[in-house]
């Protein structure tokens, strides 16, 4: 039974490493801050969660601690990326667009006047 959990843990670590690599590739390849933020957040969340869960499966005595870390990552990464994206928008960083479309512009300026 212990060998099976170790093999599953190693698979999770491998999958996490692949996600982290693809996230870093996405950060390198994307044209603007918003796309980079999205690529980095999704991949780093899944990559870190998979890697840490894999470590928890490989070392069962650490499983509870790794589970707490995974829950923290699942909450903190999306919140932090939202805050960074909102800050970038408020700093007037323009997204790379082929067509000019900004659905958030009206809402942002309407709330600013209040």
N, C-alpha and C. Protein backbone atom coordinates (compact mmCIF):
# COMPACT_ATOMS: atom_id res chain seq x y z
N UNK A 1 0.83 -1.20 0.00
CA UNK A 1 0.00 0.00 0.00
C UNK A 1 0.87 1.26 0.00
N UNK A 2 1.96 1.23 0.75
CA UNK A 2 2.82 2.40 0.84
C UNK A 2 3.49 2.69 -0.50
N UNK A 3 3.85 1.67 -1.25
CA UNK A 3 4.47 1.88 -2.55
C UNK A 3 3.51 2.55 -3.51
N UNK A 4 2.25 2.19 -3.46
CA UNK A 4 1.26 2.77 -4.37
C UNK A 4 1.13 4.27 -4.10
N UNK A 5 1.06 4.65 -2.82
CA UNK A 5 0.98 6.07 -2.49
C UNK A 5 2.22 6.83 -2.93
N UNK A 6 3.38 6.20 -2.82
CA UNK A 6 4.60 6.86 -3.29
C UNK A 6 4.57 7.07 -4.78
N UNK A 7 4.13 6.07 -5.54
CA UNK A 7 4.07 6.22 -6.99
C UNK A 7 3.06 7.29 -7.40
N UNK A 8 1.92 7.32 -6.70
CA UNK A 8 0.94 8.37 -6.97
C UNK A 8 1.53 9.73 -6.61
N UNK A 9 2.26 9.80 -5.51
CA UNK A 9 2.92 11.05 -5.11
C UNK A 9 3.93 11.51 -6.13
N UNK A 10 4.73 10.59 -6.65
CA UNK A 10 5.70 10.96 -7.68
C UNK A 10 5.00 11.44 -8.95
N UNK A 11 3.86 10.83 -9.28
CA UNK A 11 3.09 11.28 -10.45
C UNK A 11 2.57 12.70 -10.23
N UNK A 12 2.10 12.99 -9.01
CA UNK A 12 1.64 14.34 -8.70
C UNK A 12 2.78 15.34 -8.80
N UNK A 13 3.95 14.98 -8.30
CA UNK A 13 5.11 15.88 -8.38
C UNK A 13 5.48 16.13 -9.85
N UNK A 14 5.45 15.09 -10.67
CA UNK A 14 5.75 15.25 -12.09
C UNK A 14 4.72 16.14 -12.77
N UNK A 15 3.44 15.91 -12.51
CA UNK A 15 2.39 16.74 -13.10
C UNK A 15 2.53 18.19 -12.64
N UNK A 16 2.84 18.38 -11.37
CA UNK A 16 3.05 19.73 -10.85
C UNK A 16 4.23 20.42 -11.52
N UNK A 17 5.29 19.68 -11.74
CA UNK A 17 6.45 20.25 -12.44
C UNK A 17 6.12 20.66 -13.86
N UNK A 18 5.31 19.84 -14.52
CA UNK A 18 4.89 20.17 -15.89
C UNK A 18 4.04 21.44 -15.90
N UNK A 19 3.09 21.53 -14.96
CA UNK A 19 2.26 22.74 -14.86
C UNK A 19 3.12 23.97 -14.59
N UNK A 20 4.07 23.86 -13.69
CA UNK A 20 4.93 25.01 -13.37
C UNK A 20 5.78 25.41 -14.57
N UNK A 21 6.28 24.43 -15.32
CA UNK A 21 7.05 24.75 -16.52
C UNK A 21 6.18 25.45 -17.55
N UNK A 22 4.96 24.93 -17.78
CA UNK A 22 4.07 25.55 -18.76
C UNK A 22 3.65 26.95 -18.32
N UNK A 23 3.49 27.16 -17.01
CA UNK A 23 3.18 28.50 -16.52
C UNK A 23 4.30 29.48 -16.77
N UNK A 24 5.53 29.04 -16.56
CA UNK A 24 6.66 29.93 -16.81
C UNK A 24 6.80 30.21 -18.31
N UNK A 25 6.51 29.22 -19.12
CA UNK A 25 6.52 29.42 -20.57
C UNK A 25 5.43 30.40 -20.99
N UNK A 26 4.26 30.30 -20.36
CA UNK A 26 3.18 31.23 -20.65
C UNK A 26 3.52 32.66 -20.24
N UNK A 27 4.18 32.81 -19.11
CA UNK A 27 4.60 34.15 -18.68
C UNK A 27 5.60 34.73 -19.69
N UNK A 28 6.48 33.91 -20.20
CA UNK A 28 7.47 34.36 -21.16
C UNK A 28 6.84 34.74 -22.51
N UNK A 29 5.84 33.96 -22.94
CA UNK A 29 5.30 34.12 -24.28
C UNK A 29 4.14 35.11 -24.42
N UNK A 30 3.42 35.40 -23.36
CA UNK A 30 2.23 36.24 -23.48
C UNK A 30 2.59 37.71 -23.70
N UNK A 31 1.72 38.45 -24.41
CA UNK A 31 2.09 39.80 -24.84
C UNK A 31 1.93 40.90 -23.80
N UNK A 32 1.03 40.76 -22.83
CA UNK A 32 0.81 41.86 -21.89
C UNK A 32 0.66 41.34 -20.47
N UNK A 33 0.55 42.28 -19.54
CA UNK A 33 0.53 41.93 -18.12
C UNK A 33 -0.70 41.10 -17.75
N UNK A 34 -1.82 41.34 -18.38
CA UNK A 34 -3.04 40.62 -18.03
C UNK A 34 -2.98 39.16 -18.47
N UNK A 35 -2.50 38.93 -19.68
CA UNK A 35 -2.34 37.55 -20.15
C UNK A 35 -1.27 36.81 -19.36
N UNK A 36 -0.20 37.49 -19.04
CA UNK A 36 0.86 36.87 -18.24
C UNK A 36 0.36 36.53 -16.85
N UNK A 37 -0.43 37.41 -16.29
CA UNK A 37 -0.99 37.18 -14.96
C UNK A 37 -1.91 35.96 -14.96
N UNK A 38 -2.73 35.86 -15.98
CA UNK A 38 -3.65 34.72 -16.08
C UNK A 38 -2.89 33.41 -16.29
N UNK A 39 -1.91 33.43 -17.19
CA UNK A 39 -1.15 32.21 -17.46
C UNK A 39 -0.35 31.78 -16.23
N UNK A 40 0.26 32.73 -15.58
CA UNK A 40 1.06 32.41 -14.41
C UNK A 40 0.24 31.94 -13.23
N UNK A 41 -0.91 32.53 -13.03
CA UNK A 41 -1.72 32.18 -11.87
C UNK A 41 -2.32 30.79 -11.99
N UNK A 42 -2.94 30.51 -13.11
CA UNK A 42 -3.56 29.19 -13.26
C UNK A 42 -2.53 28.08 -13.17
N UNK A 43 -1.45 28.24 -13.88
CA UNK A 43 -0.45 27.18 -13.90
C UNK A 43 0.28 27.06 -12.57
N UNK A 44 0.59 28.18 -11.95
CA UNK A 44 1.31 28.07 -10.68
C UNK A 44 0.41 27.53 -9.58
N UNK A 45 -0.87 27.84 -9.63
CA UNK A 45 -1.79 27.28 -8.64
C UNK A 45 -1.87 25.77 -8.78
N UNK A 46 -2.12 25.30 -9.98
CA UNK A 46 -2.21 23.85 -10.20
C UNK A 46 -0.87 23.17 -9.98
N UNK A 47 0.20 23.81 -10.42
CA UNK A 47 1.52 23.20 -10.28
C UNK A 47 1.95 23.09 -8.83
N UNK A 48 1.78 24.17 -8.09
CA UNK A 48 2.17 24.14 -6.68
C UNK A 48 1.30 23.18 -5.89
N UNK A 49 -0.01 23.19 -6.16
CA UNK A 49 -0.91 22.29 -5.44
C UNK A 49 -0.58 20.83 -5.73
N UNK A 50 -0.33 20.51 -6.99
CA UNK A 50 0.00 19.13 -7.35
C UNK A 50 1.33 18.69 -6.74
N UNK A 51 2.32 19.56 -6.81
CA UNK A 51 3.63 19.22 -6.26
C UNK A 51 3.56 19.02 -4.75
N UNK A 52 2.88 19.91 -4.06
CA UNK A 52 2.81 19.81 -2.61
C UNK A 52 1.98 18.61 -2.19
N UNK A 53 0.90 18.32 -2.91
CA UNK A 53 0.12 17.11 -2.59
C UNK A 53 0.93 15.85 -2.86
N UNK A 54 1.75 15.89 -3.89
CA UNK A 54 2.63 14.76 -4.16
C UNK A 54 3.61 14.52 -3.03
N UNK A 55 4.16 15.58 -2.49
CA UNK A 55 5.06 15.45 -1.34
C UNK A 55 4.31 14.89 -0.15
N UNK A 56 3.06 15.32 0.03
CA UNK A 56 2.25 14.80 1.13
C UNK A 56 1.95 13.33 0.97
N UNK A 57 1.83 12.85 -0.25
CA UNK A 57 1.59 11.43 -0.48
C UNK A 57 2.88 10.62 -0.34
N UNK A 58 3.99 11.20 -0.72
CA UNK A 58 5.27 10.50 -0.58
C UNK A 58 5.65 10.39 0.90
N UNK A 59 5.45 11.46 1.66
CA UNK A 59 5.74 11.48 3.09
C UNK A 59 4.41 11.59 3.85
N UNK A 60 3.76 10.48 4.17
CA UNK A 60 2.42 10.55 4.78
C UNK A 60 2.36 11.30 6.11
N UNK A 61 3.45 11.36 6.84
CA UNK A 61 3.42 12.09 8.10
C UNK A 61 3.31 13.61 7.88
N UNK A 62 3.56 14.08 6.68
CA UNK A 62 3.43 15.49 6.35
C UNK A 62 2.10 15.81 5.69
N UNK A 63 1.25 14.82 5.48
CA UNK A 63 0.06 15.00 4.65
C UNK A 63 -0.85 16.11 5.18
N UNK A 64 -1.09 16.16 6.48
CA UNK A 64 -1.99 17.18 7.02
C UNK A 64 -1.43 18.58 6.80
N UNK A 65 -0.12 18.75 6.98
CA UNK A 65 0.51 20.06 6.77
C UNK A 65 0.44 20.46 5.30
N UNK A 66 0.67 19.50 4.40
CA UNK A 66 0.61 19.82 2.98
C UNK A 66 -0.82 20.14 2.55
N UNK A 67 -1.79 19.50 3.15
CA UNK A 67 -3.19 19.79 2.85
C UNK A 67 -3.55 21.23 3.25
N UNK A 68 -3.05 21.68 4.38
CA UNK A 68 -3.28 23.06 4.81
C UNK A 68 -2.63 24.04 3.84
N UNK A 69 -1.43 23.72 3.39
CA UNK A 69 -0.74 24.59 2.43
C UNK A 69 -1.50 24.64 1.11
N UNK A 70 -2.02 23.50 0.66
CA UNK A 70 -2.79 23.46 -0.60
C UNK A 70 -4.05 24.31 -0.48
N UNK A 71 -4.73 24.23 0.65
CA UNK A 71 -5.93 25.06 0.84
C UNK A 71 -5.56 26.54 0.83
N UNK A 72 -4.46 26.89 1.48
CA UNK A 72 -4.01 28.29 1.47
C UNK A 72 -3.69 28.75 0.05
N UNK A 73 -3.03 27.93 -0.73
CA UNK A 73 -2.69 28.29 -2.11
C UNK A 73 -3.96 28.45 -2.94
N UNK A 74 -4.93 27.56 -2.74
CA UNK A 74 -6.18 27.63 -3.50
C UNK A 74 -6.93 28.92 -3.21
N UNK A 75 -6.76 29.48 -2.03
CA UNK A 75 -7.43 30.73 -1.68
C UNK A 75 -6.57 31.94 -2.06
N UNK A 76 -5.29 31.90 -1.76
CA UNK A 76 -4.43 33.08 -1.89
C UNK A 76 -4.04 33.40 -3.32
N UNK A 77 -3.74 32.41 -4.15
CA UNK A 77 -3.29 32.71 -5.52
C UNK A 77 -4.34 33.45 -6.35
N UNK A 78 -5.58 32.98 -6.41
CA UNK A 78 -6.56 33.75 -7.20
C UNK A 78 -6.82 35.15 -6.64
N UNK A 79 -6.84 35.28 -5.32
CA UNK A 79 -7.06 36.61 -4.74
C UNK A 79 -5.91 37.56 -5.06
N UNK A 80 -4.70 37.06 -4.97
CA UNK A 80 -3.56 37.93 -5.26
C UNK A 80 -3.49 38.30 -6.74
N UNK A 81 -3.82 37.38 -7.62
CA UNK A 81 -3.80 37.72 -9.05
C UNK A 81 -4.90 38.71 -9.38
N UNK A 82 -6.06 38.60 -8.72
CA UNK A 82 -7.12 39.58 -8.93
C UNK A 82 -6.65 40.97 -8.49
N UNK A 83 -6.01 41.05 -7.35
CA UNK A 83 -5.52 42.33 -6.85
C UNK A 83 -4.46 42.91 -7.78
N UNK A 84 -3.58 42.07 -8.29
CA UNK A 84 -2.56 42.56 -9.23
C UNK A 84 -3.18 43.04 -10.53
N UNK A 85 -4.16 42.29 -11.05
CA UNK A 85 -4.83 42.70 -12.28
C UNK A 85 -5.60 44.00 -12.11
N UNK A 86 -6.27 44.13 -10.98
CA UNK A 86 -7.01 45.37 -10.71
C UNK A 86 -6.05 46.55 -10.55
N UNK A 87 -4.94 46.33 -9.89
CA UNK A 87 -3.95 47.39 -9.75
C UNK A 87 -3.35 47.78 -11.09
N UNK A 88 -3.12 46.80 -11.95
CA UNK A 88 -2.59 47.10 -13.28
C UNK A 88 -3.61 47.90 -14.09
N UNK A 89 -4.88 47.57 -13.95
CA UNK A 89 -5.91 48.31 -14.67
C UNK A 89 -6.01 49.74 -14.15
N UNK A 90 -5.95 49.90 -12.85
CA UNK A 90 -6.02 51.24 -12.27
C UNK A 90 -4.78 52.07 -12.59
N UNK A 91 -3.67 51.41 -12.85
CA UNK A 91 -2.45 52.12 -13.26
C UNK A 91 -2.45 52.40 -14.76
N UNK A 92 -3.56 52.11 -15.41
CA UNK A 92 -3.78 52.38 -16.84
C UNK A 92 -2.84 51.60 -17.75
N UNK A 93 -2.49 50.38 -17.35
CA UNK A 93 -1.74 49.52 -18.26
C UNK A 93 -2.71 48.97 -19.28
N UNK A 94 -2.44 49.24 -20.54
CA UNK A 94 -3.38 48.84 -21.58
C UNK A 94 -3.14 47.40 -21.99
N UNK A 95 -4.23 46.66 -22.16
CA UNK A 95 -4.08 45.29 -22.65
C UNK A 95 -3.79 45.26 -24.14
N UNK A 96 -3.15 44.20 -24.57
CA UNK A 96 -2.88 43.98 -25.98
C UNK A 96 -4.18 43.50 -26.61
N UNK A 97 -4.73 44.30 -27.54
CA UNK A 97 -6.00 43.92 -28.18
C UNK A 97 -5.94 44.22 -29.67
N UNK A 98 -6.54 43.34 -30.43
CA UNK A 98 -6.69 43.62 -31.85
C UNK A 98 -7.89 44.54 -32.06
N UNK A 99 -8.93 44.35 -31.25
CA UNK A 99 -10.10 45.23 -31.31
C UNK A 99 -10.17 46.00 -30.00
N UNK A 100 -10.60 47.24 -30.07
CA UNK A 100 -10.72 48.06 -28.88
C UNK A 100 -12.04 47.74 -28.18
N UNK A 101 -11.93 47.05 -27.04
CA UNK A 101 -13.12 46.69 -26.28
C UNK A 101 -12.73 46.66 -24.81
N UNK A 102 -13.47 47.38 -23.98
CA UNK A 102 -13.19 47.42 -22.56
C UNK A 102 -14.51 47.48 -21.81
N UNK A 103 -15.02 46.33 -21.41
CA UNK A 103 -16.30 46.26 -20.73
C UNK A 103 -16.21 46.81 -19.32
N UNK A 104 -15.06 46.80 -18.73
CA UNK A 104 -14.88 47.25 -17.35
C UNK A 104 -14.72 48.77 -17.28
N UNK A 105 -14.45 49.42 -18.42
CA UNK A 105 -14.17 50.86 -18.43
C UNK A 105 -15.35 51.67 -17.91
N UNK A 106 -16.57 51.40 -18.39
CA UNK A 106 -17.75 52.14 -17.94
C UNK A 106 -17.97 51.96 -16.45
N UNK A 107 -17.86 50.74 -15.98
CA UNK A 107 -18.07 50.44 -14.56
C UNK A 107 -17.02 51.14 -13.69
N UNK A 108 -15.80 51.15 -14.15
CA UNK A 108 -14.71 51.75 -13.37
C UNK A 108 -14.91 53.26 -13.26
N UNK A 109 -15.22 53.90 -14.36
CA UNK A 109 -15.37 55.36 -14.34
C UNK A 109 -16.66 55.78 -13.63
N UNK A 110 -17.68 54.96 -13.69
CA UNK A 110 -18.93 55.26 -13.01
C UNK A 110 -18.73 55.22 -11.49
N UNK A 111 -17.98 54.23 -10.99
CA UNK A 111 -17.71 54.12 -9.56
C UNK A 111 -16.73 55.20 -9.09
N UNK A 112 -15.88 55.66 -9.98
CA UNK A 112 -14.90 56.67 -9.61
C UNK A 112 -15.58 58.02 -9.36
N UNK A 113 -16.68 58.29 -10.09
CA UNK A 113 -17.39 59.56 -9.93
C UNK A 113 -18.15 59.62 -8.62
N UNK A 114 -18.56 58.47 -8.07
CA UNK A 114 -19.34 58.45 -6.83
C UNK A 114 -18.56 58.84 -5.62
